[in-house]
Amino acid sequence: MIQAIAFYLFAAVVLLSAALTITARNPVHAVLWLILAFFNAAGLMVLVGAEFIAMLLVIVYVGAVAVLFLFVVMMMDVDFAQLRAGFARYAVIGLAFAVALAAEIMIGVGAYSAGAIQLARRAAPVAENVPNIVALGSLLYTRYLFVFEGAGLVLLVAMIGAIVLTHRERAGTRPQNVTRQVMRRPGDATRNVKPAVGQGVEL
């Protein structure tokens, strides 16, 4: 009974926060609603026994991705009124994608209900005394080790690419000269002047 109440509570909050994420006018509020949706989705994962997925949702999505979105949105000087003005132009394309996605979901659910997809028969049996994290780690670092390392290499390449794009030479900027700053003497940074009464300081 308690599990059912918790499930419906988490599910209702997830749906409500997801809807508010899309409809929020303030982008900061939208990111905050997204964080709430992640937290409640983690609660749903705990209810079904997938504590590793719940931990990923809290640590990775809430602790890194959503907080990064929040800081980026708060620090960027973006004219959101102009962005919302062009929403109607892409409404038809977005609606088409939404209809196609909904159709795919309905086809998948119908095929699963009809018995065309039998995931339970293909799933490897796991002993009841083995935690999910242990079973997932054993499978990830044995059978899917090269795939896991390949995903790490892809993320590494993406990180290096982001760093290279950030530190590329751009016109109109003044780069930092660390050697010149270190070798600077106090006499080069300050200048003692004694202006007369009523006379300003010449820069």
N, C-alpha and C. Protein backbone atom coordinates (compact mmCIF):
# COMPACT_ATOMS: atom_id res chain seq x y z
N MET A 1 0.83 -1.21 0.00
CA MET A 1 0.00 0.00 0.00
C MET A 1 0.87 1.26 0.00
N ILE A 2 1.90 1.25 0.86
CA ILE A 2 2.79 2.41 0.92
C ILE A 2 3.55 2.58 -0.39
N GLN A 3 3.98 1.43 -0.99
CA GLN A 3 4.69 1.51 -2.26
C GLN A 3 3.81 2.10 -3.36
N ALA A 4 2.53 1.72 -3.36
CA ALA A 4 1.62 2.26 -4.38
C ALA A 4 1.41 3.76 -4.20
N ILE A 5 1.26 4.19 -2.94
CA ILE A 5 1.10 5.63 -2.69
C ILE A 5 2.35 6.40 -3.10
N ALA A 6 3.53 5.85 -2.76
CA ALA A 6 4.77 6.52 -3.15
C ALA A 6 4.93 6.56 -4.66
N PHE A 7 4.54 5.47 -5.35
CA PHE A 7 4.65 5.45 -6.80
C PHE A 7 3.78 6.53 -7.44
N TYR A 8 2.52 6.60 -7.04
CA TYR A 8 1.63 7.60 -7.64
C TYR A 8 2.06 9.01 -7.27
N LEU A 9 2.61 9.19 -6.08
CA LEU A 9 3.09 10.52 -5.69
C LEU A 9 4.28 10.94 -6.54
N PHE A 10 5.28 10.06 -6.66
CA PHE A 10 6.44 10.38 -7.48
C PHE A 10 6.06 10.58 -8.94
N ALA A 11 5.19 9.71 -9.45
CA ALA A 11 4.79 9.81 -10.85
C ALA A 11 4.04 11.11 -11.12
N ALA A 12 3.15 11.50 -10.21
CA ALA A 12 2.41 12.74 -10.41
C ALA A 12 3.33 13.95 -10.38
N VAL A 13 4.29 13.96 -9.46
CA VAL A 13 5.22 15.09 -9.39
C VAL A 13 6.12 15.13 -10.62
N VAL A 14 6.52 13.96 -11.13
CA VAL A 14 7.34 13.92 -12.34
C VAL A 14 6.58 14.52 -13.53
N LEU A 15 5.33 14.11 -13.70
CA LEU A 15 4.55 14.63 -14.82
C LEU A 15 4.29 16.13 -14.67
N LEU A 16 3.99 16.56 -13.45
CA LEU A 16 3.71 17.98 -13.23
C LEU A 16 4.96 18.82 -13.45
N SER A 17 6.09 18.39 -12.91
CA SER A 17 7.32 19.15 -13.07
C SER A 17 7.80 19.14 -14.52
N ALA A 18 7.59 18.03 -15.24
CA ALA A 18 7.96 17.99 -16.65
C ALA A 18 7.12 18.98 -17.46
N ALA A 19 5.82 19.03 -17.16
CA ALA A 19 4.96 19.99 -17.86
C ALA A 19 5.36 21.43 -17.54
N LEU A 20 5.69 21.70 -16.28
CA LEU A 20 6.11 23.05 -15.91
C LEU A 20 7.48 23.40 -16.49
N THR A 21 8.33 22.39 -16.71
CA THR A 21 9.61 22.64 -17.35
C THR A 21 9.43 23.16 -18.77
N ILE A 22 8.44 22.62 -19.45
CA ILE A 22 8.20 23.04 -20.84
C ILE A 22 7.48 24.37 -20.90
N THR A 23 6.53 24.59 -19.99
CA THR A 23 5.69 25.78 -20.08
C THR A 23 6.21 26.97 -19.29
N ALA A 24 7.29 26.81 -18.53
CA ALA A 24 7.80 27.92 -17.72
C ALA A 24 8.35 29.02 -18.63
N ARG A 25 7.99 30.26 -18.33
CA ARG A 25 8.49 31.39 -19.11
C ARG A 25 9.92 31.76 -18.74
N ASN A 26 10.23 31.62 -17.47
CA ASN A 26 11.58 31.93 -17.00
C ASN A 26 12.45 30.70 -17.18
N PRO A 27 13.57 30.79 -17.91
CA PRO A 27 14.41 29.59 -18.12
C PRO A 27 15.04 29.07 -16.83
N VAL A 28 15.31 29.95 -15.88
CA VAL A 28 15.85 29.48 -14.60
C VAL A 28 14.83 28.63 -13.87
N HIS A 29 13.58 29.06 -13.88
CA HIS A 29 12.51 28.25 -13.27
C HIS A 29 12.35 26.92 -14.00
N ALA A 30 12.53 26.92 -15.32
CA ALA A 30 12.42 25.68 -16.08
C ALA A 30 13.49 24.67 -15.65
N VAL A 31 14.72 25.14 -15.43
CA VAL A 31 15.78 24.24 -14.99
C VAL A 31 15.50 23.72 -13.58
N LEU A 32 14.96 24.56 -12.72
CA LEU A 32 14.62 24.12 -11.36
C LEU A 32 13.52 23.06 -11.39
N TRP A 33 12.53 23.24 -12.23
CA TRP A 33 11.49 22.20 -12.38
C TRP A 33 12.09 20.92 -12.94
N LEU A 34 13.08 21.05 -13.83
CA LEU A 34 13.75 19.86 -14.37
C LEU A 34 14.50 19.10 -13.27
N ILE A 35 15.13 19.83 -12.38
CA ILE A 35 15.82 19.19 -11.25
C ILE A 35 14.82 18.44 -10.37
N LEU A 36 13.66 19.04 -10.14
CA LEU A 36 12.63 18.36 -9.36
C LEU A 36 12.16 17.09 -10.05
N ALA A 37 12.04 17.14 -11.38
CA ALA A 37 11.63 15.94 -12.12
C ALA A 37 12.68 14.84 -12.00
N PHE A 38 13.95 15.19 -12.04
CA PHE A 38 15.01 14.19 -11.88
C PHE A 38 14.97 13.55 -10.49
N PHE A 39 14.75 14.34 -9.46
CA PHE A 39 14.69 13.80 -8.11
C PHE A 39 13.54 12.80 -7.96
N ASN A 40 12.39 13.14 -8.49
CA ASN A 40 11.25 12.23 -8.37
C ASN A 40 11.41 11.01 -9.26
N ALA A 41 12.07 11.16 -10.40
CA ALA A 41 12.38 9.98 -11.23
C ALA A 41 13.34 9.05 -10.51
N ALA A 42 14.27 9.62 -9.74
CA ALA A 42 15.14 8.78 -8.92
C ALA A 42 14.36 8.03 -7.87
N GLY A 43 13.35 8.68 -7.30
CA GLY A 43 12.49 7.97 -6.36
C GLY A 43 11.76 6.81 -7.00
N LEU A 44 11.31 6.98 -8.23
CA LEU A 44 10.66 5.87 -8.93
C LEU A 44 11.63 4.72 -9.18
N MET A 45 12.87 5.05 -9.51
CA MET A 45 13.86 3.99 -9.72
C MET A 45 14.15 3.22 -8.44
N VAL A 46 14.13 3.91 -7.31
CA VAL A 46 14.34 3.22 -6.03
C VAL A 46 13.18 2.27 -5.75
N LEU A 47 11.98 2.68 -6.11
CA LEU A 47 10.81 1.81 -5.87
C LEU A 47 10.88 0.52 -6.67
N VAL A 48 11.43 0.57 -7.88
CA VAL A 48 11.50 -0.63 -8.71
C VAL A 48 12.78 -1.42 -8.47
N GLY A 49 13.62 -0.97 -7.53
CA GLY A 49 14.82 -1.71 -7.19
C GLY A 49 16.04 -1.37 -8.01
N ALA A 50 15.98 -0.32 -8.80
CA ALA A 50 17.14 0.09 -9.61
C ALA A 50 17.83 1.25 -8.92
N GLU A 51 18.50 0.94 -7.82
CA GLU A 51 19.13 2.00 -7.04
C GLU A 51 20.32 2.63 -7.77
N PHE A 52 20.95 1.88 -8.67
CA PHE A 52 22.07 2.44 -9.42
C PHE A 52 21.59 3.54 -10.37
N ILE A 53 20.47 3.30 -11.04
CA ILE A 53 19.90 4.33 -11.93
C ILE A 53 19.48 5.55 -11.12
N ALA A 54 18.92 5.31 -9.92
CA ALA A 54 18.54 6.44 -9.05
C ALA A 54 19.76 7.26 -8.66
N MET A 55 20.85 6.58 -8.35
CA MET A 55 22.08 7.28 -7.99
C MET A 55 22.62 8.09 -9.18
N LEU A 56 22.54 7.51 -10.37
CA LEU A 56 22.99 8.25 -11.56
C LEU A 56 22.14 9.49 -11.80
N LEU A 57 20.83 9.37 -11.60
CA LEU A 57 19.96 10.52 -11.81
C LEU A 57 20.29 11.65 -10.85
N VAL A 58 20.60 11.31 -9.61
CA VAL A 58 20.89 12.36 -8.63
C VAL A 58 22.28 12.93 -8.82
N ILE A 59 23.27 12.05 -8.99
CA ILE A 59 24.66 12.52 -9.04
C ILE A 59 24.98 13.15 -10.40
N VAL A 60 24.64 12.44 -11.48
CA VAL A 60 25.04 12.90 -12.81
C VAL A 60 24.09 13.97 -13.34
N TYR A 61 22.80 13.65 -13.37
CA TYR A 61 21.85 14.57 -14.01
C TYR A 61 21.57 15.79 -13.15
N VAL A 62 21.30 15.58 -11.86
CA VAL A 62 21.02 16.71 -10.99
C VAL A 62 22.30 17.43 -10.59
N GLY A 63 23.31 16.65 -10.17
CA GLY A 63 24.53 17.26 -9.66
C GLY A 63 25.41 17.87 -10.72
N ALA A 64 25.29 17.44 -11.96
CA ALA A 64 26.19 17.95 -12.99
C ALA A 64 25.43 18.63 -14.13
N VAL A 65 24.58 17.88 -14.80
CA VAL A 65 23.96 18.39 -16.02
C VAL A 65 22.98 19.53 -15.71
N ALA A 66 22.05 19.27 -14.80
CA ALA A 66 21.03 20.29 -14.51
C ALA A 66 21.64 21.53 -13.87
N VAL A 67 22.59 21.34 -12.95
CA VAL A 67 23.25 22.49 -12.33
C VAL A 67 24.06 23.26 -13.36
N LEU A 68 24.69 22.54 -14.29
CA LEU A 68 25.42 23.22 -15.37
C LEU A 68 24.46 24.04 -16.23
N PHE A 69 23.32 23.47 -16.58
CA PHE A 69 22.32 24.21 -17.34
C PHE A 69 21.89 25.46 -16.57
N LEU A 70 21.71 25.31 -15.26
CA LEU A 70 21.26 26.43 -14.44
C LEU A 70 22.27 27.57 -14.46
N PHE A 71 23.55 27.25 -14.27
CA PHE A 71 24.57 28.29 -14.27
C PHE A 71 24.74 28.89 -15.66
N VAL A 72 24.65 28.08 -16.70
CA VAL A 72 24.80 28.61 -18.06
C VAL A 72 23.65 29.55 -18.38
N VAL A 73 22.43 29.16 -18.02
CA VAL A 73 21.28 30.01 -18.29
C VAL A 73 21.37 31.31 -17.51
N MET A 74 21.85 31.23 -16.26
CA MET A 74 21.94 32.44 -15.44
C MET A 74 23.05 33.37 -15.90
N MET A 75 24.12 32.81 -16.48
CA MET A 75 25.27 33.64 -16.86
C MET A 75 25.20 34.14 -18.29
N MET A 76 24.41 33.50 -19.14
CA MET A 76 24.34 33.93 -20.53
C MET A 76 23.43 35.14 -20.67
N ASP A 77 23.83 36.04 -21.52
CA ASP A 77 23.01 37.21 -21.83
C ASP A 77 22.24 36.92 -23.11
N VAL A 78 21.17 36.15 -22.95
CA VAL A 78 20.39 35.71 -24.10
C VAL A 78 19.04 36.42 -24.07
N ASP A 79 18.64 36.90 -25.21
CA ASP A 79 17.33 37.54 -25.34
C ASP A 79 16.28 36.44 -25.53
N PHE A 80 15.70 36.00 -24.40
CA PHE A 80 14.74 34.90 -24.47
C PHE A 80 13.42 35.32 -25.12
N ALA A 81 13.13 36.60 -25.08
CA ALA A 81 11.92 37.07 -25.76
C ALA A 81 12.04 36.86 -27.27
N GLN A 82 13.24 37.09 -27.80
CA GLN A 82 13.46 36.86 -29.23
C GLN A 82 13.41 35.38 -29.57
N LEU A 83 13.92 34.54 -28.65
CA LEU A 83 13.86 33.10 -28.90
C LEU A 83 12.43 32.59 -28.90
N ARG A 84 11.63 33.10 -27.98
CA ARG A 84 10.23 32.68 -27.93
C ARG A 84 9.44 33.20 -29.11
N ALA A 85 9.90 34.32 -29.69
CA ALA A 85 9.18 34.88 -30.83
C ALA A 85 9.24 33.96 -32.04
N GLY A 86 10.34 33.18 -32.17
CA GLY A 86 10.46 32.26 -33.30
C GLY A 86 9.91 30.88 -33.03
N PHE A 87 9.20 30.73 -31.91
CA PHE A 87 8.65 29.41 -31.58
C PHE A 87 7.57 28.99 -32.56
N ALA A 88 6.73 29.93 -32.96
CA ALA A 88 5.63 29.59 -33.86
C ALA A 88 6.14 29.11 -35.22
N ARG A 89 7.31 29.55 -35.61
CA ARG A 89 7.84 29.15 -36.92
C ARG A 89 8.19 27.67 -36.96
N TYR A 90 8.63 27.13 -35.81
CA TYR A 90 9.01 25.72 -35.74
C TYR A 90 7.97 24.87 -35.03
N ALA A 91 6.80 25.42 -34.79
CA ALA A 91 5.76 24.66 -34.07
C ALA A 91 5.30 23.45 -34.89
N VAL A 92 5.18 23.61 -36.20
CA VAL A 92 4.70 22.51 -37.04
C VAL A 92 5.71 21.36 -37.05
N ILE A 93 6.99 21.69 -37.16
CA ILE A 93 8.03 20.65 -37.16
C ILE A 93 8.07 19.94 -35.80
N GLY A 94 7.98 20.71 -34.72
CA GLY A 94 7.97 20.09 -33.39
C GLY A 94 6.77 19.21 -33.18
N LEU A 95 5.62 19.65 -33.68
CA LEU A 95 4.42 18.83 -33.55
C LEU A 95 4.55 17.53 -34.35
N ALA A 96 5.17 17.60 -35.52
CA ALA A 96 5.36 16.39 -36.33
C ALA A 96 6.28 15.41 -35.61
N PHE A 97 7.34 15.90 -35.03
CA PHE A 97 8.24 15.02 -34.27
C PHE A 97 7.53 14.42 -33.06
N ALA A 98 6.70 15.21 -32.40
CA ALA A 98 5.97 14.70 -31.23
C ALA A 98 4.99 13.60 -31.63
N VAL A 99 4.30 13.78 -32.74
CA VAL A 99 3.36 12.76 -33.21
C VAL A 99 4.10 11.49 -33.61
N ALA A 100 5.25 11.64 -34.28
CA ALA A 100 6.03 10.46 -34.68
C ALA A 100 6.55 9.71 -33.45
N LEU A 101 7.02 10.45 -32.46
CA LEU A 101 7.52 9.80 -31.24
C LEU A 101 6.39 9.09 -30.49
N ALA A 102 5.23 9.73 -30.40
CA ALA A 102 4.09 9.09 -29.74
C ALA A 102 3.67 7.83 -30.48
N ALA A 103 3.70 7.86 -31.81
CA ALA A 103 3.35 6.67 -32.58
C ALA A 103 4.34 5.54 -32.35
N GLU A 104 5.62 5.86 -32.30
CA GLU A 104 6.62 4.83 -32.02
C GLU A 104 6.43 4.22 -30.64
N ILE A 105 6.12 5.04 -29.66
CA ILE A 105 5.89 4.52 -28.31
C ILE A 105 4.68 3.60 -28.29
N MET A 106 3.62 4.00 -28.96
CA MET A 106 2.41 3.16 -28.99
C MET A 106 2.67 1.84 -29.71
N ILE A 107 3.44 1.88 -30.80
CA ILE A 107 3.76 0.64 -31.51
C ILE A 107 4.61 -0.27 -30.65
N GLY A 108 5.59 0.31 -29.95
CA GLY A 108 6.44 -0.50 -29.07
C GLY A 108 5.66 -1.12 -27.94
N VAL A 109 4.77 -0.36 -27.31
CA VAL A 109 3.96 -0.91 -26.22
C VAL A 109 3.02 -1.99 -26.75
N GLY A 110 2.45 -1.76 -27.93
CA GLY A 110 1.56 -2.77 -28.50
C GLY A 110 2.30 -4.05 -28.84
N ALA A 111 3.52 -3.93 -29.39
CA ALA A 111 4.29 -5.13 -29.71
C ALA A 111 4.71 -5.88 -28.46
N TYR A 112 5.05 -5.14 -27.41
CA TYR A 112 5.43 -5.81 -26.16
C TYR A 112 4.24 -6.51 -25.52
N SER A 113 3.08 -5.88 -25.58
CA SER A 113 1.88 -6.50 -25.01
C SER A 113 1.44 -7.71 -25.81
N ALA A 114 1.69 -7.71 -27.12
CA ALA A 114 1.29 -8.83 -27.95
C ALA A 114 2.23 -10.02 -27.83
N GLY A 115 3.34 -9.83 -27.15
CA GLY A 115 4.27 -10.94 -26.96
C GLY A 115 5.33 -11.04 -28.02
N ALA A 116 5.41 -10.03 -28.89
CA ALA A 116 6.44 -10.08 -29.94
C ALA A 116 7.83 -9.85 -29.37
N ILE A 117 7.90 -9.15 -28.25
CA ILE A 117 9.19 -8.88 -27.63
C ILE A 117 9.20 -9.55 -26.27
N GLN A 118 10.05 -10.53 -26.11
CA GLN A 118 10.15 -11.27 -24.86
C GLN A 118 11.51 -10.98 -24.24
N LEU A 119 11.56 -9.89 -23.48
CA LEU A 119 12.83 -9.52 -22.87
C LEU A 119 13.21 -10.47 -21.73
N ALA A 120 12.20 -11.02 -21.06
CA ALA A 120 12.51 -11.87 -19.91
C ALA A 120 13.25 -13.13 -20.32
N ARG A 121 12.96 -13.65 -21.51
CA ARG A 121 13.63 -14.87 -21.96
C ARG A 121 15.08 -14.62 -22.36
N ARG A 122 15.36 -13.41 -22.82
CA ARG A 122 16.72 -13.11 -23.24
C ARG A 122 17.57 -12.55 -22.10
N ALA A 123 16.96 -12.16 -21.01
CA ALA A 123 17.71 -11.58 -19.92
C ALA A 123 18.47 -12.67 -19.17
N ALA A 124 19.71 -12.33 -18.77
CA ALA A 124 20.52 -13.29 -18.03
C ALA A 124 20.01 -13.38 -16.60
N PRO A 125 19.88 -14.58 -16.05
CA PRO A 125 19.39 -14.72 -14.68
C PRO A 125 20.42 -14.19 -13.68
N VAL A 126 19.92 -13.50 -12.68
CA VAL A 126 20.76 -12.94 -11.64
C VAL A 126 20.31 -13.50 -10.31
N ALA A 127 21.25 -13.91 -9.50
CA ALA A 127 20.90 -14.45 -8.19
C ALA A 127 20.27 -13.37 -7.32
N GLU A 128 19.38 -13.79 -6.44
CA GLU A 128 18.67 -12.83 -5.61
C GLU A 128 19.58 -12.15 -4.59
N ASN A 129 20.64 -12.81 -4.17
CA ASN A 129 21.52 -12.23 -3.17
C ASN A 129 22.60 -11.31 -3.77
N VAL A 130 22.57 -11.11 -5.08
CA VAL A 130 23.55 -10.24 -5.75
C VAL A 130 22.90 -8.87 -5.95
N PRO A 131 23.50 -7.79 -5.43
CA PRO A 131 22.92 -6.46 -5.64
C PRO A 131 22.98 -6.04 -7.11
N ASN A 132 22.14 -5.09 -7.45
CA ASN A 132 22.08 -4.62 -8.84
C ASN A 132 23.40 -4.00 -9.28
N ILE A 133 24.04 -3.25 -8.37
CA ILE A 133 25.29 -2.58 -8.73
C ILE A 133 26.38 -3.61 -9.01
N VAL A 134 26.43 -4.68 -8.21
CA VAL A 134 27.43 -5.72 -8.41
C VAL A 134 27.19 -6.43 -9.74
N ALA A 135 25.94 -6.77 -10.02
CA ALA A 135 25.61 -7.45 -11.28
C ALA A 135 25.91 -6.57 -12.48
N LEU A 136 25.56 -5.29 -12.38
CA LEU A 136 25.80 -4.36 -13.49
C LEU A 136 27.29 -4.15 -13.71
N GLY A 137 28.05 -4.01 -12.61
CA GLY A 137 29.49 -3.83 -12.75
C GLY A 137 30.17 -5.05 -13.33
N SER A 138 29.74 -6.24 -12.91
CA SER A 138 30.33 -7.47 -13.45
C SER A 138 30.07 -7.60 -14.95
N LEU A 139 28.88 -7.24 -15.38
CA LEU A 139 28.56 -7.33 -16.80
C LEU A 139 29.24 -6.23 -17.60
N LEU A 140 29.33 -5.03 -17.00
CA LEU A 140 29.89 -3.88 -17.72
C LEU A 140 31.38 -4.02 -17.93
N TYR A 141 32.09 -4.56 -16.95
CA TYR A 141 33.55 -4.64 -17.03
C TYR A 141 34.04 -6.00 -17.53
N THR A 142 33.14 -6.84 -18.00
CA THR A 142 33.55 -8.11 -18.60
C THR A 142 33.07 -8.20 -20.05
N ARG A 143 31.77 -8.30 -20.23
CA ARG A 143 31.23 -8.49 -21.58
C ARG A 143 31.25 -7.20 -22.40
N TYR A 144 30.95 -6.09 -21.75
CA TYR A 144 30.86 -4.81 -22.47
C TYR A 144 32.02 -3.89 -22.11
N LEU A 145 33.19 -4.45 -21.86
CA LEU A 145 34.33 -3.63 -21.46
C LEU A 145 34.79 -2.71 -22.59
N PHE A 146 34.90 -3.25 -23.81
CA PHE A 146 35.38 -2.43 -24.93
C PHE A 146 34.36 -1.36 -25.31
N VAL A 147 33.08 -1.69 -25.19
CA VAL A 147 32.06 -0.67 -25.46
C VAL A 147 32.13 0.44 -24.43
N PHE A 148 32.35 0.06 -23.18
CA PHE A 148 32.46 1.05 -22.11
C PHE A 148 33.68 1.94 -22.31
N GLU A 149 34.81 1.34 -22.68
CA GLU A 149 36.01 2.14 -22.94
C GLU A 149 35.82 3.02 -24.17
N GLY A 150 35.11 2.51 -25.18
CA GLY A 150 34.84 3.33 -26.36
C GLY A 150 33.99 4.55 -26.02
N ALA A 151 33.00 4.37 -25.15
CA ALA A 151 32.20 5.51 -24.72
C ALA A 151 33.05 6.53 -23.97
N GLY A 152 34.01 6.02 -23.16
CA GLY A 152 34.91 6.94 -22.47
C GLY A 152 35.79 7.72 -23.43
N LEU A 153 36.25 7.06 -24.50
CA LEU A 153 37.06 7.76 -25.50
C LEU A 153 36.25 8.82 -26.24
N VAL A 154 34.99 8.51 -26.53
CA VAL A 154 34.13 9.50 -27.19
C VAL A 154 33.96 10.73 -26.31
N LEU A 155 33.73 10.52 -25.02
CA LEU A 155 33.60 11.65 -24.10
C LEU A 155 34.91 12.43 -23.98
N LEU A 156 36.04 11.72 -24.02
CA LEU A 156 37.33 12.39 -23.95
C LEU A 156 37.55 13.27 -25.17
N VAL A 157 37.21 12.74 -26.35
CA VAL A 157 37.36 13.53 -27.58
C VAL A 157 36.45 14.75 -27.54
N ALA A 158 35.23 14.57 -27.04
CA ALA A 158 34.31 15.71 -26.93
C ALA A 158 34.85 16.76 -25.97
N MET A 159 35.43 16.33 -24.86
CA MET A 159 35.99 17.28 -23.90
C MET A 159 37.17 18.04 -24.51
N ILE A 160 38.06 17.32 -25.22
CA ILE A 160 39.20 17.99 -25.85
C ILE A 160 38.72 18.97 -26.92
N GLY A 161 37.72 18.58 -27.68
CA GLY A 161 37.18 19.48 -28.69
C GLY A 161 36.58 20.74 -28.08
N ALA A 162 35.89 20.60 -26.96
CA ALA A 162 35.32 21.78 -26.30
C ALA A 162 36.42 22.70 -25.78
N ILE A 163 37.49 22.10 -25.25
CA ILE A 163 38.61 22.92 -24.76
C ILE A 163 39.30 23.64 -25.91
N VAL A 164 39.50 22.95 -27.03
CA VAL A 164 40.16 23.57 -28.19
C VAL A 164 39.32 24.71 -28.74
N LEU A 165 38.00 24.50 -28.83
CA LEU A 165 37.13 25.56 -29.35
C LEU A 165 37.09 26.75 -28.41
N THR A 166 37.20 26.49 -27.11
CA THR A 166 37.16 27.59 -26.14
C THR A 166 38.43 28.41 -26.17
N HIS A 167 39.58 27.75 -26.35
CA HIS A 167 40.86 28.45 -26.31
C HIS A 167 41.40 28.80 -27.69
N ARG A 168 40.57 28.82 -28.69
CA ARG A 168 41.05 29.21 -30.00
C ARG A 168 41.31 30.72 -30.02
N GLU A 169 42.19 31.13 -30.92
CA GLU A 169 42.54 32.53 -31.02
C GLU A 169 41.40 33.29 -31.69
N ARG A 170 40.96 34.32 -31.02
CA ARG A 170 39.89 35.15 -31.53
C ARG A 170 40.37 36.59 -31.67
N ALA A 171 39.89 37.25 -32.69
CA ALA A 171 40.29 38.63 -32.94
C ALA A 171 39.61 39.56 -31.94
N GLY A 172 40.33 40.61 -31.58
CA GLY A 172 39.76 41.60 -30.69
C GLY A 172 39.86 41.26 -29.22
N THR A 173 40.64 40.27 -28.85
CA THR A 173 40.81 39.88 -27.45
C THR A 173 42.27 40.10 -27.04
N ARG A 174 42.49 40.30 -25.76
CA ARG A 174 43.83 40.50 -25.22
C ARG A 174 44.20 39.27 -24.40
N PRO A 175 45.08 38.43 -24.89
CA PRO A 175 45.45 37.23 -24.14
C PRO A 175 46.29 37.58 -22.91
N GLN A 176 46.29 36.68 -21.98
CA GLN A 176 47.06 36.89 -20.75
C GLN A 176 48.52 36.52 -20.98
N ASN A 177 49.42 37.42 -20.54
CA ASN A 177 50.86 37.19 -20.63
C ASN A 177 51.36 36.96 -19.21
N VAL A 178 51.48 35.70 -18.83
CA VAL A 178 51.86 35.38 -17.45
C VAL A 178 53.27 35.82 -17.15
N THR A 179 54.21 35.64 -18.08
CA THR A 179 55.61 36.02 -17.86
C THR A 179 55.74 37.51 -17.61
N ARG A 180 55.02 38.29 -18.38
CA ARG A 180 55.08 39.74 -18.20
C ARG A 180 54.48 40.16 -16.86
N GLN A 181 53.45 39.47 -16.43
CA GLN A 181 52.85 39.79 -15.15
C GLN A 181 53.78 39.44 -13.98
N VAL A 182 54.46 38.31 -14.10
CA VAL A 182 55.35 37.89 -13.02
C VAL A 182 56.57 38.80 -12.92
N MET A 183 57.09 39.23 -14.07
CA MET A 183 58.29 40.06 -14.09
C MET A 183 58.01 41.54 -13.86
N ARG A 184 56.78 41.91 -13.67
CA ARG A 184 56.45 43.32 -13.47
C ARG A 184 56.94 43.79 -12.10
N ARG A 185 57.56 44.99 -12.07
CA ARG A 185 58.07 45.57 -10.84
C ARG A 185 57.05 46.55 -10.27
N PRO A 186 57.12 46.79 -8.98
CA PRO A 186 56.17 47.77 -8.40
C PRO A 186 56.25 49.14 -9.05
N GLY A 187 57.45 49.52 -9.49
CA GLY A 187 57.57 50.82 -10.12
C GLY A 187 56.86 50.92 -11.45
N ASP A 188 56.66 49.79 -12.12
CA ASP A 188 55.94 49.80 -13.39
C ASP A 188 54.43 49.88 -13.22
N ALA A 189 53.97 49.54 -12.02
CA ALA A 189 52.53 49.50 -11.80
C ALA A 189 51.99 50.75 -11.14
N THR A 190 52.85 51.47 -10.41
CA THR A 190 52.41 52.67 -9.70
C THR A 190 53.22 53.87 -10.15
N ARG A 191 52.65 55.05 -9.95
CA ARG A 191 53.32 56.30 -10.33
C ARG A 191 52.96 57.36 -9.31
N ASN A 192 53.96 57.93 -8.66
CA ASN A 192 53.76 58.96 -7.65
C ASN A 192 53.68 60.33 -8.31
N VAL A 193 52.59 61.00 -8.10
CA VAL A 193 52.39 62.34 -8.65
C VAL A 193 52.00 63.28 -7.52
N LYS A 194 52.25 64.54 -7.74
CA LYS A 194 51.91 65.56 -6.76
C LYS A 194 51.26 66.73 -7.49
N PRO A 195 49.98 66.58 -7.80
CA PRO A 195 49.32 67.65 -8.57
C PRO A 195 49.09 68.88 -7.70
N ALA A 196 49.03 70.01 -8.38
CA ALA A 196 48.75 71.26 -7.68
C ALA A 196 47.28 71.36 -7.33
N VAL A 197 46.95 72.33 -6.52
CA VAL A 197 45.56 72.53 -6.11
C VAL A 197 44.73 72.92 -7.31
N GLY A 198 43.64 72.20 -7.52
CA GLY A 198 42.76 72.48 -8.64
C GLY A 198 43.18 71.83 -9.94
N GLN A 199 44.28 71.12 -9.92
CA GLN A 199 44.78 70.47 -11.13
C GLN A 199 44.47 68.97 -11.05
N GLY A 200 43.92 68.41 -12.08
CA GLY A 200 43.60 67.00 -12.10
C GLY A 200 44.82 66.15 -12.39
N VAL A 201 44.62 64.88 -12.30
CA VAL A 201 45.69 63.92 -12.57
C VAL A 201 45.64 63.54 -14.04
N GLU A 202 46.76 63.61 -14.71
CA GLU A 202 46.84 63.23 -16.12
C GLU A 202 47.04 61.72 -16.23
N LEU A 203 46.19 61.09 -17.01
CA LEU A 203 46.28 59.64 -17.21
C LEU A 203 47.23 59.32 -18.34
